[in-house]
Each structure stands twice: as C-alpha cells, then as structure tokens.
Amino acid sequence: MIKMTMMLKRNPKISHEEFVKHHIEKHGPLFKQIPEAKEHVIRYIQTHPIAQTSSVVKVNDFDGTAELWFDSLEGLETVLTSSFYKENVFPDELTFLDHANTLVTLGYQDDIISSIHEN
C-alpha cells in the first residue's frame, strides 16, 4: 500500500473559503468518478484547517491536505494517468490549486496508535 499526502495551497485568485467549498463539493466527488479509482484507491480524505490556534503547535499556512491510499505504486500511476483524470480531474485542479506551492509525499504508513481504545 502507498500513501500520497498532499499539503495543498489554493489558487491565489480564490479565497480560502472558496477553496474549501470547491475541494469538498466539486473536486472530491469528481475524483471519485475516476473508473480506475474504484479498483486502486483504498481511502481518500481531505482535511481543512480550523480557525482556532494552539500555543503548543506551530502550523503552516496551507489551505488543506489530501491523503490518498493506493493499493500499490502501479495503482497510483494507473489512476493519475487515466484519461478521466487527465481530461477532467487535473483541469479541475488547475482552477483551485496552486500546484507550484503544493507539496506531495509518497510513502508507506506505519501505524503507531491506530485506536484510542488500544492498550
């Protein structure tokens, strides 16, 4: 299993609120329509920052994150090179993301604590 984590920056032409609305209401459902995603994507979550701050954690000014778990590196490549992704999803990304300032990592996930009820 491969996890792709994206630290997202919004297109500077839109507000943070517009970014969040688009990410949740348009982009997420559009990504789900990729036929190859049904076979290769195990999980996809979006996170958007809260308004509150913490005195113990310094945070960056990213507009959100996207985390996607794929069955394999080949599965990731199949999804991201599919015609539906290239013709529909990627063009949508250009409307609300700042690709040049979005960070992406690929890796394996190691569970340290997987449940709050774990001993």
Protein backbone atom coordinates (compact mmCIF):
# COMPACT_ATOMS: atom_id res chain seq x y z
CA MET A 1 0.00 0.00 0.00
CA ILE A 2 1.23 3.50 -0.90
CA LYS A 3 0.03 6.70 0.74
CA MET A 4 0.12 10.03 -1.06
CA THR A 5 -0.04 13.05 1.23
CA MET A 6 -0.57 16.47 -0.31
CA MET A 7 -0.15 19.78 1.54
CA LEU A 8 -2.42 21.99 -0.54
CA LYS A 9 -2.10 25.65 -1.41
CA ARG A 10 -5.05 27.38 -3.03
CA ASN A 11 -5.01 29.25 -6.28
CA PRO A 12 -4.34 32.84 -5.16
CA LYS A 13 -7.28 34.02 -7.31
CA ILE A 14 -9.79 32.45 -4.90
CA SER A 15 -10.45 32.82 -1.18
CA HIS A 16 -9.73 30.11 1.37
CA GLU A 17 -13.48 29.62 1.83
CA GLU A 18 -13.98 29.18 -1.93
CA PHE A 19 -11.09 26.70 -1.96
CA VAL A 20 -12.58 24.57 0.83
CA LYS A 21 -16.06 24.58 -0.75
CA HIS A 22 -14.66 23.57 -4.14
CA HIS A 23 -12.38 20.90 -2.67
CA ILE A 24 -15.21 19.25 -0.74
CA GLU A 25 -18.19 19.75 -3.04
CA LYS A 26 -16.67 19.53 -6.52
CA HIS A 27 -13.18 18.04 -6.55
CA GLY A 28 -13.76 15.16 -4.14
CA PRO A 29 -16.86 13.89 -5.98
CA LEU A 30 -15.10 14.38 -9.33
CA PHE A 31 -12.11 12.31 -8.17
CA LYS A 32 -14.49 9.54 -7.05
CA GLN A 33 -15.74 9.27 -10.65
CA ILE A 34 -12.37 8.08 -11.95
CA PRO A 35 -13.13 4.49 -13.05
CA GLU A 36 -9.64 3.27 -12.08
CA ALA A 37 -10.00 4.78 -8.59
CA LYS A 38 -12.68 2.24 -7.77
CA GLU A 39 -10.08 -0.51 -8.19
CA HIS A 40 -6.92 1.14 -6.83
CA VAL A 41 -7.86 3.79 -4.23
CA ILE A 42 -8.34 2.36 -0.76
CA ARG A 43 -9.12 5.60 1.03
CA TYR A 44 -9.24 9.35 0.32
CA ILE A 45 -9.64 12.02 2.99
CA GLN A 46 -9.48 15.79 2.97
CA THR A 47 -8.53 17.97 5.94
CA HIS A 48 -9.01 21.72 6.21
CA PRO A 49 -7.55 23.92 8.94
CA ILE A 50 -9.57 25.05 11.93
CA ALA A 51 -9.85 28.71 12.87
CA GLN A 52 -8.57 28.18 16.41
CA THR A 53 -4.85 28.25 17.18
CA SER A 54 -2.77 26.37 19.70
CA SER A 55 0.04 27.73 21.82
CA VAL A 56 1.82 24.37 21.68
CA VAL A 57 1.74 23.69 17.94
CA LYS A 58 3.06 25.99 15.24
CA VAL A 59 1.26 25.41 11.94
CA ASN A 60 1.98 26.45 8.38
CA ASP A 61 -0.48 28.32 6.20
CA PHE A 62 -1.57 25.51 3.91
CA ASP A 63 -5.20 25.57 2.83
CA GLY A 64 -5.75 21.88 3.40
CA THR A 65 -4.48 18.38 2.89
CA ALA A 66 -5.48 15.42 0.78
CA GLU A 67 -4.46 11.93 1.79
CA LEU A 68 -4.93 9.04 -0.61
CA TRP A 69 -4.11 5.41 -0.02
CA PHE A 70 -3.47 3.33 -3.15
CA ASP A 71 -3.16 -0.44 -3.41
CA SER A 72 0.30 -0.04 -5.00
CA LEU A 73 2.57 2.42 -6.76
CA GLU A 74 1.34 0.96 -10.04
CA GLY A 75 -2.25 1.61 -8.93
CA LEU A 76 -1.40 5.25 -8.17
CA GLU A 77 0.16 5.62 -11.60
CA THR A 78 -2.82 3.95 -13.27
CA VAL A 79 -5.25 6.38 -11.61
CA LEU A 80 -3.17 9.52 -12.22
CA THR A 81 -2.50 8.67 -15.87
CA SER A 82 -6.08 7.61 -16.65
CA SER A 83 -7.92 9.51 -19.36
CA PHE A 84 -10.66 10.59 -16.91
CA TYR A 85 -8.06 12.06 -14.55
CA LYS A 86 -6.18 13.84 -17.34
CA GLU A 87 -9.34 15.16 -19.06
CA ASN A 88 -11.48 16.06 -16.02
CA VAL A 89 -9.76 15.94 -12.64
CA PHE A 90 -6.42 17.55 -13.48
CA PRO A 91 -8.05 20.52 -15.30
CA ASP A 92 -10.26 21.00 -12.23
CA GLU A 93 -7.16 21.07 -10.01
CA LEU A 94 -5.84 23.99 -12.04
CA THR A 95 -8.91 26.05 -11.12
CA PHE A 96 -8.48 25.87 -7.33
CA LEU A 97 -4.94 24.63 -6.54
CA ASP A 98 -1.58 26.33 -6.71
CA HIS A 99 0.42 23.34 -7.99
CA ALA A 100 3.75 25.15 -7.74
CA ASN A 101 3.34 25.55 -3.97
CA THR A 102 1.56 22.30 -3.16
CA LEU A 103 3.78 19.66 -1.55
CA VAL A 104 3.39 15.94 -2.24
CA THR A 105 4.95 12.97 -0.50
CA LEU A 106 4.66 9.26 -1.25
CA GLY A 107 5.35 6.67 1.38
CA TYR A 108 4.37 3.71 3.46
CA GLN A 109 2.19 4.22 6.50
CA ASP A 110 3.31 2.81 9.84
CA ASP A 111 0.57 2.69 12.47
CA ILE A 112 1.87 3.73 15.87
CA ILE A 113 -1.50 4.25 17.54
CA SER A 114 -4.42 3.04 15.46
CA SER A 115 -7.22 3.26 18.01
CA ILE A 116 -7.90 5.39 21.06
CA HIS A 117 -9.07 2.19 22.78
CA GLU A 118 -5.76 0.41 22.22
CA ASN A 119 -3.77 -0.62 25.31
